[in-house]
Amino acid sequence: MIGNNAITLTIGAALACVTAVAGAQTVKPVSVWSGVYTAAQNQRGQEFHADVCAMCHGPRLNGAGQSEMPPSPAIAGGTFLRKWSGQSVAALFVIVRHTMPPDSPGTLTDQQSIDAVAHMLAVSGIPAGNRELPPDAGALANILIEAQAK
């Protein structure tokens, strides 16, 4: 079992890499509101959420977990978007990929993790587009989460 310090170090290192990649690129950041995931990707994320995530985060992603478990945060909606506003989708992807599920962190695949992120965006009211979010932190570094469309 991996200790909390090892998980924290792993996430910190991954976020440092994402930050370095983002800083090295000259690509203009795009907003999640510009259609960064597809309806099919959301559907996969919805199915995955129902199977794996809903027990803790609730069927509506509102953090309504099981009563015998510690409270879990809402992972969609206004509060979620305000919390993550100004951060990259890469940062969210890294957190999901390396810390979920809490009883077995790091066991999700890259594809499961990014599909779950797409579903979070969809439930938050962010519209789908015609390109999937790639399961690659470097490629996600220039996609910014914003609380509302600008």
N, C-alpha and C. Protein backbone atom coordinates (compact mmCIF):
# COMPACT_ATOMS: atom_id res chain seq x y z
N MET A 1 0.84 -1.17 0.00
CA MET A 1 0.00 0.00 0.00
C MET A 1 0.88 1.24 0.00
N ILE A 2 0.54 2.21 -0.78
CA ILE A 2 1.29 3.45 -0.90
C ILE A 2 0.86 4.38 0.22
N GLY A 3 1.81 4.99 0.91
CA GLY A 3 1.50 5.92 1.98
C GLY A 3 1.08 7.28 1.44
N ASN A 4 0.47 8.09 2.31
CA ASN A 4 0.02 9.42 1.90
C ASN A 4 1.18 10.29 1.43
N ASN A 5 2.35 10.17 2.05
CA ASN A 5 3.50 10.97 1.62
C ASN A 5 3.93 10.61 0.21
N ALA A 6 3.90 9.32 -0.11
CA ALA A 6 4.28 8.89 -1.46
C ALA A 6 3.27 9.40 -2.48
N ILE A 7 2.00 9.36 -2.15
CA ILE A 7 0.96 9.87 -3.06
C ILE A 7 1.14 11.36 -3.25
N THR A 8 1.36 12.09 -2.16
CA THR A 8 1.56 13.53 -2.25
C THR A 8 2.76 13.86 -3.11
N LEU A 9 3.87 13.14 -2.92
CA LEU A 9 5.06 13.38 -3.73
C LEU A 9 4.81 13.07 -5.20
N THR A 10 4.09 11.98 -5.47
CA THR A 10 3.78 11.61 -6.85
C THR A 10 2.94 12.67 -7.52
N ILE A 11 1.90 13.13 -6.83
CA ILE A 11 1.03 14.17 -7.40
C ILE A 11 1.81 15.45 -7.58
N GLY A 12 2.61 15.81 -6.59
CA GLY A 12 3.42 17.03 -6.70
C GLY A 12 4.35 16.98 -7.88
N ALA A 13 5.01 15.85 -8.08
CA ALA A 13 5.92 15.69 -9.21
C ALA A 13 5.16 15.77 -10.53
N ALA A 14 4.01 15.12 -10.59
CA ALA A 14 3.21 15.14 -11.81
C ALA A 14 2.73 16.55 -12.13
N LEU A 15 2.27 17.28 -11.11
CA LEU A 15 1.83 18.66 -11.35
C LEU A 15 3.00 19.56 -11.74
N ALA A 16 4.18 19.32 -11.19
CA ALA A 16 5.35 20.09 -11.58
C ALA A 16 5.67 19.86 -13.05
N CYS A 17 5.54 18.62 -13.50
CA CYS A 17 5.77 18.31 -14.92
C CYS A 17 4.74 18.99 -15.80
N VAL A 18 3.48 18.97 -15.37
CA VAL A 18 2.42 19.62 -16.13
C VAL A 18 2.71 21.11 -16.23
N THR A 19 3.11 21.72 -15.12
CA THR A 19 3.43 23.14 -15.10
C THR A 19 4.61 23.45 -16.02
N ALA A 20 5.63 22.62 -15.99
CA ALA A 20 6.80 22.82 -16.84
C ALA A 20 6.42 22.71 -18.31
N VAL A 21 5.60 21.72 -18.64
CA VAL A 21 5.17 21.55 -20.03
C VAL A 21 4.34 22.75 -20.46
N ALA A 22 3.43 23.18 -19.61
CA ALA A 22 2.58 24.32 -19.95
C ALA A 22 3.42 25.58 -20.14
N GLY A 23 4.42 25.77 -19.27
CA GLY A 23 5.27 26.94 -19.37
C GLY A 23 6.15 26.93 -20.61
N ALA A 24 6.53 25.75 -21.08
CA ALA A 24 7.42 25.63 -22.23
C ALA A 24 6.67 25.81 -23.54
N GLN A 25 5.37 25.63 -23.52
CA GLN A 25 4.59 25.72 -24.74
C GLN A 25 4.16 27.17 -24.96
N THR A 26 4.03 27.55 -26.23
CA THR A 26 3.57 28.89 -26.56
C THR A 26 2.16 28.86 -27.10
N VAL A 27 1.49 27.75 -26.98
CA VAL A 27 0.12 27.61 -27.45
C VAL A 27 -0.79 28.42 -26.55
N LYS A 28 -1.69 29.17 -27.15
CA LYS A 28 -2.63 29.96 -26.37
C LYS A 28 -3.61 29.03 -25.67
N PRO A 29 -3.83 29.22 -24.37
CA PRO A 29 -4.77 28.37 -23.65
C PRO A 29 -6.18 28.49 -24.21
N VAL A 30 -6.92 27.39 -24.13
CA VAL A 30 -8.32 27.40 -24.54
C VAL A 30 -9.17 27.11 -23.31
N SER A 31 -10.38 27.53 -23.35
CA SER A 31 -11.32 27.34 -22.24
C SER A 31 -12.07 26.02 -22.41
N VAL A 32 -12.44 25.43 -21.28
CA VAL A 32 -13.28 24.23 -21.34
C VAL A 32 -14.61 24.53 -22.03
N TRP A 33 -15.00 25.80 -22.05
CA TRP A 33 -16.28 26.20 -22.66
C TRP A 33 -16.22 26.17 -24.19
N SER A 34 -15.07 25.86 -24.77
CA SER A 34 -14.95 25.86 -26.23
C SER A 34 -15.20 24.49 -26.85
N GLY A 35 -15.77 23.56 -26.09
CA GLY A 35 -16.10 22.23 -26.63
C GLY A 35 -14.89 21.32 -26.68
N VAL A 36 -14.37 20.93 -25.53
CA VAL A 36 -13.12 20.18 -25.47
C VAL A 36 -13.28 18.68 -25.28
N TYR A 37 -14.50 18.20 -25.16
CA TYR A 37 -14.76 16.76 -25.04
C TYR A 37 -15.94 16.43 -25.95
N THR A 38 -16.18 15.15 -26.19
CA THR A 38 -17.29 14.75 -27.06
C THR A 38 -18.42 14.14 -26.24
N ALA A 39 -19.58 14.06 -26.87
CA ALA A 39 -20.73 13.42 -26.23
C ALA A 39 -20.43 11.95 -25.94
N ALA A 40 -19.72 11.28 -26.85
CA ALA A 40 -19.36 9.87 -26.65
C ALA A 40 -18.42 9.71 -25.46
N GLN A 41 -17.49 10.65 -25.30
CA GLN A 41 -16.57 10.59 -24.16
C GLN A 41 -17.34 10.81 -22.85
N ASN A 42 -18.28 11.74 -22.86
CA ASN A 42 -19.13 11.94 -21.70
C ASN A 42 -19.91 10.68 -21.37
N GLN A 43 -20.43 10.01 -22.37
CA GLN A 43 -21.20 8.78 -22.15
C GLN A 43 -20.34 7.71 -21.48
N ARG A 44 -19.12 7.55 -21.96
CA ARG A 44 -18.21 6.60 -21.31
C ARG A 44 -17.95 7.00 -19.87
N GLY A 45 -17.73 8.30 -19.66
CA GLY A 45 -17.50 8.80 -18.31
C GLY A 45 -18.70 8.59 -17.40
N GLN A 46 -19.88 8.77 -17.95
CA GLN A 46 -21.11 8.57 -17.18
C GLN A 46 -21.24 7.11 -16.75
N GLU A 47 -20.97 6.20 -17.67
CA GLU A 47 -21.04 4.76 -17.35
C GLU A 47 -19.97 4.40 -16.30
N PHE A 48 -18.78 4.94 -16.46
CA PHE A 48 -17.70 4.67 -15.50
C PHE A 48 -18.06 5.23 -14.13
N HIS A 49 -18.59 6.45 -14.12
CA HIS A 49 -18.98 7.07 -12.85
C HIS A 49 -20.02 6.21 -12.13
N ALA A 50 -21.01 5.74 -12.87
CA ALA A 50 -22.06 4.92 -12.25
C ALA A 50 -21.48 3.64 -11.64
N ASP A 51 -20.48 3.07 -12.29
CA ASP A 51 -19.88 1.82 -11.81
C ASP A 51 -18.88 2.01 -10.68
N VAL A 52 -18.10 3.09 -10.70
CA VAL A 52 -16.96 3.22 -9.81
C VAL A 52 -17.06 4.42 -8.86
N CYS A 53 -17.56 5.54 -9.32
CA CYS A 53 -17.45 6.79 -8.57
C CYS A 53 -18.68 7.17 -7.76
N ALA A 54 -19.85 6.73 -8.22
CA ALA A 54 -21.11 7.18 -7.61
C ALA A 54 -21.23 6.80 -6.14
N MET A 55 -20.60 5.71 -5.74
CA MET A 55 -20.70 5.28 -4.35
C MET A 55 -20.22 6.39 -3.41
N CYS A 56 -19.20 7.12 -3.81
CA CYS A 56 -18.67 8.20 -2.96
C CYS A 56 -19.18 9.58 -3.39
N HIS A 57 -19.21 9.83 -4.69
CA HIS A 57 -19.53 11.17 -5.17
C HIS A 57 -21.01 11.35 -5.52
N GLY A 58 -21.81 10.31 -5.36
CA GLY A 58 -23.23 10.41 -5.63
C GLY A 58 -23.55 10.31 -7.11
N PRO A 59 -24.77 9.89 -7.44
CA PRO A 59 -25.15 9.73 -8.84
C PRO A 59 -25.19 11.05 -9.61
N ARG A 60 -25.35 12.16 -8.90
CA ARG A 60 -25.39 13.48 -9.56
C ARG A 60 -24.07 14.23 -9.40
N LEU A 61 -23.03 13.53 -8.90
CA LEU A 61 -21.70 14.09 -8.71
C LEU A 61 -21.68 15.22 -7.68
N ASN A 62 -22.64 15.17 -6.76
CA ASN A 62 -22.80 16.24 -5.78
C ASN A 62 -22.16 15.93 -4.43
N GLY A 63 -21.38 14.87 -4.37
CA GLY A 63 -20.68 14.54 -3.14
C GLY A 63 -21.51 13.78 -2.14
N ALA A 64 -22.66 13.34 -2.53
CA ALA A 64 -23.54 12.62 -1.62
C ALA A 64 -23.11 11.16 -1.56
N GLY A 65 -22.11 10.87 -0.75
CA GLY A 65 -21.57 9.52 -0.64
C GLY A 65 -22.32 8.66 0.35
N GLN A 66 -21.81 7.48 0.58
CA GLN A 66 -22.40 6.55 1.53
C GLN A 66 -22.23 7.08 2.95
N SER A 67 -23.23 6.83 3.80
CA SER A 67 -23.23 7.40 5.14
C SER A 67 -22.06 6.90 6.00
N GLU A 68 -21.59 5.68 5.78
CA GLU A 68 -20.50 5.15 6.59
C GLU A 68 -19.12 5.58 6.10
N MET A 69 -19.07 6.35 5.05
CA MET A 69 -17.79 6.79 4.49
C MET A 69 -17.57 8.27 4.80
N PRO A 70 -16.33 8.71 4.76
CA PRO A 70 -16.06 10.14 4.94
C PRO A 70 -16.74 10.93 3.83
N PRO A 71 -17.12 12.17 4.10
CA PRO A 71 -17.76 12.96 3.05
C PRO A 71 -16.82 13.15 1.87
N SER A 72 -17.39 13.15 0.69
CA SER A 72 -16.60 13.37 -0.52
C SER A 72 -17.08 14.66 -1.17
N PRO A 73 -16.19 15.33 -1.89
CA PRO A 73 -16.58 16.62 -2.48
C PRO A 73 -17.46 16.44 -3.71
N ALA A 74 -18.20 17.50 -4.00
CA ALA A 74 -18.91 17.56 -5.26
C ALA A 74 -17.86 17.63 -6.37
N ILE A 75 -18.11 16.92 -7.44
CA ILE A 75 -17.14 16.91 -8.54
C ILE A 75 -17.77 17.45 -9.83
N ALA A 76 -18.82 18.26 -9.66
CA ALA A 76 -19.45 18.93 -10.79
C ALA A 76 -20.27 20.09 -10.24
N GLY A 77 -20.62 21.01 -11.12
CA GLY A 77 -21.47 22.13 -10.73
C GLY A 77 -20.69 23.40 -10.43
N GLY A 78 -21.42 24.41 -10.00
CA GLY A 78 -20.85 25.74 -9.78
C GLY A 78 -19.74 25.78 -8.75
N THR A 79 -19.94 25.14 -7.60
CA THR A 79 -18.92 25.16 -6.56
C THR A 79 -17.64 24.48 -7.05
N PHE A 80 -17.81 23.35 -7.71
CA PHE A 80 -16.68 22.62 -8.29
C PHE A 80 -15.93 23.51 -9.30
N LEU A 81 -16.67 24.15 -10.20
CA LEU A 81 -16.03 24.99 -11.22
C LEU A 81 -15.32 26.18 -10.60
N ARG A 82 -15.92 26.80 -9.59
CA ARG A 82 -15.26 27.92 -8.92
C ARG A 82 -13.97 27.46 -8.22
N LYS A 83 -14.02 26.28 -7.61
CA LYS A 83 -12.83 25.75 -6.94
C LYS A 83 -11.69 25.53 -7.93
N TRP A 84 -12.01 25.02 -9.11
CA TRP A 84 -10.99 24.68 -10.10
C TRP A 84 -10.71 25.80 -11.10
N SER A 85 -11.47 26.88 -11.05
CA SER A 85 -11.33 27.97 -12.02
C SER A 85 -9.89 28.50 -12.04
N GLY A 86 -9.36 28.64 -13.24
CA GLY A 86 -8.00 29.12 -13.43
C GLY A 86 -6.96 28.02 -13.49
N GLN A 87 -7.36 26.80 -13.18
CA GLN A 87 -6.44 25.66 -13.24
C GLN A 87 -6.64 24.91 -14.57
N SER A 88 -5.66 24.14 -14.92
CA SER A 88 -5.75 23.40 -16.18
C SER A 88 -6.50 22.08 -15.98
N VAL A 89 -7.03 21.58 -17.07
CA VAL A 89 -7.65 20.26 -17.05
C VAL A 89 -6.59 19.22 -16.70
N ALA A 90 -5.34 19.49 -17.06
CA ALA A 90 -4.25 18.57 -16.71
C ALA A 90 -4.16 18.37 -15.20
N ALA A 91 -4.30 19.43 -14.42
CA ALA A 91 -4.22 19.32 -12.97
C ALA A 91 -5.34 18.43 -12.43
N LEU A 92 -6.54 18.61 -12.95
CA LEU A 92 -7.68 17.78 -12.53
C LEU A 92 -7.46 16.32 -12.94
N PHE A 93 -7.00 16.12 -14.16
CA PHE A 93 -6.72 14.77 -14.66
C PHE A 93 -5.70 14.06 -13.77
N VAL A 94 -4.63 14.76 -13.39
CA VAL A 94 -3.59 14.16 -12.55
C VAL A 94 -4.15 13.77 -11.19
N ILE A 95 -4.96 14.62 -10.60
CA ILE A 95 -5.57 14.32 -9.30
C ILE A 95 -6.44 13.08 -9.40
N VAL A 96 -7.32 13.04 -10.42
CA VAL A 96 -8.20 11.88 -10.60
C VAL A 96 -7.36 10.63 -10.83
N ARG A 97 -6.40 10.72 -11.72
CA ARG A 97 -5.60 9.56 -12.11
C ARG A 97 -4.80 8.97 -10.96
N HIS A 98 -4.27 9.83 -10.09
CA HIS A 98 -3.35 9.35 -9.06
C HIS A 98 -3.95 9.20 -7.66
N THR A 99 -5.15 9.73 -7.43
CA THR A 99 -5.73 9.64 -6.08
C THR A 99 -7.04 8.87 -6.01
N MET A 100 -7.60 8.53 -7.14
CA MET A 100 -8.89 7.84 -7.15
C MET A 100 -8.74 6.39 -7.59
N PRO A 101 -9.58 5.53 -7.12
CA PRO A 101 -10.47 5.71 -5.97
C PRO A 101 -9.65 5.74 -4.68
N PRO A 102 -10.18 6.36 -3.62
CA PRO A 102 -9.39 6.53 -2.41
C PRO A 102 -8.94 5.22 -1.76
N ASP A 103 -9.69 4.16 -1.95
CA ASP A 103 -9.29 2.88 -1.36
C ASP A 103 -8.30 2.12 -2.23
N SER A 104 -8.01 2.63 -3.42
CA SER A 104 -7.07 1.99 -4.32
C SER A 104 -6.50 3.02 -5.30
N PRO A 105 -5.82 4.07 -4.79
CA PRO A 105 -5.37 5.16 -5.65
C PRO A 105 -4.41 4.69 -6.74
N GLY A 106 -4.54 5.36 -7.89
CA GLY A 106 -3.64 5.08 -8.99
C GLY A 106 -4.01 3.88 -9.83
N THR A 107 -5.17 3.29 -9.58
CA THR A 107 -5.56 2.09 -10.32
C THR A 107 -6.41 2.40 -11.55
N LEU A 108 -6.86 3.62 -11.69
CA LEU A 108 -7.62 3.98 -12.89
C LEU A 108 -6.67 4.10 -14.07
N THR A 109 -7.16 3.78 -15.24
CA THR A 109 -6.35 3.98 -16.44
C THR A 109 -6.41 5.45 -16.84
N ASP A 110 -5.51 5.85 -17.72
CA ASP A 110 -5.56 7.21 -18.24
C ASP A 110 -6.90 7.48 -18.92
N GLN A 111 -7.38 6.51 -19.70
CA GLN A 111 -8.64 6.70 -20.42
C GLN A 111 -9.82 6.80 -19.46
N GLN A 112 -9.88 5.96 -18.45
CA GLN A 112 -10.96 6.05 -17.47
C GLN A 112 -10.93 7.41 -16.78
N SER A 113 -9.75 7.86 -16.44
CA SER A 113 -9.61 9.14 -15.74
C SER A 113 -10.08 10.31 -16.59
N ILE A 114 -9.68 10.35 -17.85
CA ILE A 114 -10.07 11.48 -18.69
C ILE A 114 -11.54 11.40 -19.06
N ASP A 115 -12.09 10.20 -19.22
CA ASP A 115 -13.53 10.07 -19.46
C ASP A 115 -14.32 10.57 -18.26
N ALA A 116 -13.82 10.28 -17.05
CA ALA A 116 -14.47 10.78 -15.82
C ALA A 116 -14.42 12.30 -15.79
N VAL A 117 -13.30 12.89 -16.18
CA VAL A 117 -13.19 14.35 -16.23
C VAL A 117 -14.18 14.92 -17.24
N ALA A 118 -14.30 14.30 -18.39
CA ALA A 118 -15.27 14.76 -19.40
C ALA A 118 -16.68 14.75 -18.82
N HIS A 119 -17.01 13.71 -18.08
CA HIS A 119 -18.34 13.63 -17.47
C HIS A 119 -18.54 14.73 -16.42
N MET A 120 -17.50 15.03 -15.64
CA MET A 120 -17.58 16.13 -14.67
C MET A 120 -17.90 17.44 -15.38
N LEU A 121 -17.24 17.67 -16.52
CA LEU A 121 -17.48 18.90 -17.27
C LEU A 121 -18.90 18.93 -17.81
N ALA A 122 -19.37 17.79 -18.34
CA ALA A 122 -20.72 17.73 -18.89
C ALA A 122 -21.78 18.00 -17.83
N VAL A 123 -21.64 17.37 -16.68
CA VAL A 123 -22.61 17.57 -15.60
C VAL A 123 -22.54 19.01 -15.08
N SER A 124 -21.42 19.66 -15.26
CA SER A 124 -21.26 21.06 -14.85
C SER A 124 -21.87 22.03 -15.87
N GLY A 125 -22.44 21.51 -16.94
CA GLY A 125 -23.09 22.35 -17.94
C GLY A 125 -22.19 22.84 -19.04
N ILE A 126 -20.98 22.33 -19.11
CA ILE A 126 -20.04 22.73 -20.16
C ILE A 126 -20.37 21.92 -21.41
N PRO A 127 -20.56 22.59 -22.54
CA PRO A 127 -21.00 21.88 -23.75
C PRO A 127 -19.92 20.99 -24.37
N ALA A 128 -20.39 19.93 -24.99
CA ALA A 128 -19.50 19.02 -25.72
C ALA A 128 -19.07 19.67 -27.03
N GLY A 129 -18.00 19.12 -27.58
CA GLY A 129 -17.50 19.58 -28.87
C GLY A 129 -17.32 18.39 -29.79
N ASN A 130 -16.40 18.51 -30.74
CA ASN A 130 -16.20 17.43 -31.70
C ASN A 130 -14.84 16.74 -31.57
N ARG A 131 -14.08 17.07 -30.50
CA ARG A 131 -12.79 16.41 -30.25
C ARG A 131 -12.75 15.94 -28.81
N GLU A 132 -12.22 14.74 -28.62
CA GLU A 132 -12.11 14.19 -27.27
C GLU A 132 -10.96 14.83 -26.51
N LEU A 133 -11.13 14.91 -25.19
CA LEU A 133 -10.01 15.25 -24.33
C LEU A 133 -9.02 14.11 -24.43
N PRO A 134 -7.75 14.38 -24.69
CA PRO A 134 -6.76 13.31 -24.78
C PRO A 134 -6.32 12.88 -23.38
N PRO A 135 -6.01 11.61 -23.19
CA PRO A 135 -5.55 11.13 -21.88
C PRO A 135 -4.06 11.40 -21.68
N ASP A 136 -3.66 12.66 -21.81
CA ASP A 136 -2.26 13.05 -21.75
C ASP A 136 -2.15 14.42 -21.06
N ALA A 137 -1.50 14.44 -19.90
CA ALA A 137 -1.40 15.67 -19.11
C ALA A 137 -0.75 16.81 -19.90
N GLY A 138 0.25 16.50 -20.70
CA GLY A 138 0.90 17.54 -21.49
C GLY A 138 -0.06 18.22 -22.46
N ALA A 139 -0.87 17.43 -23.12
CA ALA A 139 -1.84 17.98 -24.07
C ALA A 139 -2.97 18.72 -23.36
N LEU A 140 -3.24 18.37 -22.11
CA LEU A 140 -4.32 19.00 -21.34
C LEU A 140 -3.89 20.28 -20.64
N ALA A 141 -2.59 20.54 -20.62
CA ALA A 141 -2.05 21.67 -19.86
C ALA A 141 -2.55 23.02 -20.35
N ASN A 142 -2.94 23.13 -21.60
CA ASN A 142 -3.39 24.41 -22.15
C ASN A 142 -4.91 24.53 -22.23
N ILE A 143 -5.61 23.64 -21.55
CA ILE A 143 -7.07 23.74 -21.49
C ILE A 143 -7.41 24.20 -20.07
N LEU A 144 -7.99 25.39 -19.97
CA LEU A 144 -8.26 25.99 -18.67
C LEU A 144 -9.70 25.79 -18.23
N ILE A 145 -9.85 25.48 -16.96
CA ILE A 145 -11.17 25.39 -16.35
C ILE A 145 -11.57 26.80 -15.95
N GLU A 146 -12.76 27.19 -16.33
CA GLU A 146 -13.30 28.50 -15.95
C GLU A 146 -14.68 28.28 -15.38
N ALA A 147 -15.03 29.09 -14.38
CA ALA A 147 -16.32 28.94 -13.73
C ALA A 147 -17.48 29.24 -14.67
N GLN A 148 -17.25 30.13 -15.61
CA GLN A 148 -18.29 30.45 -16.59
C GLN A 148 -17.64 30.86 -17.90
N ALA A 149 -18.44 30.75 -18.96
CA ALA A 149 -17.92 31.11 -20.28
C ALA A 149 -17.62 32.60 -20.32
N LYS A 150 -16.54 32.96 -21.00
CA LYS A 150 -16.17 34.38 -21.12
C LYS A 150 -16.52 34.90 -22.49
